[in-house]
Amino acid sequence: MKKWNVTIKNIYGEKQTFYSSIKKREDAIIDVLSKIENKQQINNIKSVDTIPLNKYLKNELC
């Protein structure tokens, strides 16, 4: 099961990082966007970056 760190950058340059345990990347982004309490912030999103956590966990264990 993949886990994701999803970083959202707004038009003001502020970044917020969220965690999602949803398997598919696209679904993880939707999961994080649905957790944003202030729906007005969704209009200010400039970019969304995702990092699969399992990739880094495997490298650390080897």
Protein backbone atom coordinates (compact mmCIF):
# COMPACT_ATOMS: atom_id res chain seq x y z
CA MET A 1 0.00 0.00 0.00
CA LYS A 2 1.43 3.36 -1.02
CA LYS A 3 1.34 6.35 1.25
CA TRP A 4 1.77 9.91 0.07
CA ASN A 5 2.98 13.26 1.29
CA VAL A 6 1.00 15.89 -0.60
CA THR A 7 2.36 19.44 -0.56
CA ILE A 8 0.09 22.27 -1.61
CA LYS A 9 1.58 25.64 -2.56
CA ASN A 10 -0.73 28.64 -2.76
CA ILE A 11 -0.44 31.81 -4.84
CA TYR A 12 1.18 33.60 -1.88
CA GLY A 13 4.08 31.12 -1.72
CA GLU A 14 2.90 29.38 1.46
CA LYS A 15 3.24 25.59 1.60
CA GLN A 16 1.20 23.03 3.51
CA THR A 17 2.09 19.34 3.64
CA PHE A 18 -0.50 16.65 4.28
CA TYR A 19 -0.30 12.89 4.66
CA SER A 20 -2.59 10.46 2.85
CA SER A 21 -2.68 6.68 3.02
CA ILE A 22 -4.75 6.37 -0.17
CA LYS A 23 -3.16 3.97 -2.67
CA LYS A 24 -3.50 5.92 -5.94
CA ARG A 25 -1.77 9.28 -6.38
CA GLU A 26 -4.81 11.00 -7.89
CA ASP A 27 -7.07 9.75 -5.10
CA ALA A 28 -4.55 10.92 -2.49
CA ILE A 29 -4.68 14.45 -3.93
CA ILE A 30 -8.50 14.41 -3.84
CA ASP A 31 -8.36 13.09 -0.26
CA VAL A 32 -6.13 15.98 0.84
CA LEU A 33 -8.18 18.61 -0.98
CA SER A 34 -11.33 17.35 0.71
CA LYS A 35 -9.65 17.83 4.11
CA ILE A 36 -9.04 21.54 3.58
CA GLU A 37 -11.42 23.25 5.98
CA ASN A 38 -11.51 26.69 4.38
CA LYS A 39 -12.86 25.94 0.91
CA GLN A 40 -11.83 29.43 -0.23
CA GLN A 41 -8.19 28.23 0.01
CA ILE A 42 -8.84 25.81 -2.85
CA ASN A 43 -9.19 28.81 -5.20
CA ASN A 44 -5.70 30.00 -4.18
CA ILE A 45 -3.83 26.77 -4.99
CA LYS A 46 -0.92 27.27 -7.36
CA SER A 47 0.61 23.77 -7.38
CA VAL A 48 0.37 20.33 -5.81
CA ASP A 49 3.40 18.06 -5.35
CA THR A 50 3.29 14.44 -4.25
CA ILE A 51 5.98 12.22 -2.78
CA PRO A 52 5.45 8.46 -2.45
CA LEU A 53 6.62 7.54 1.04
CA ASN A 54 7.16 3.84 0.34
CA LYS A 55 9.96 4.66 -2.12
CA TYR A 56 12.03 6.30 0.61
CA LEU A 57 11.15 3.76 3.28
CA LYS A 58 12.44 0.90 1.11
CA ASN A 59 15.77 2.69 0.54
CA GLU A 60 16.28 3.29 4.26
CA LEU A 61 15.60 -0.35 5.15
CA CYS A 62 18.12 -1.76 2.64
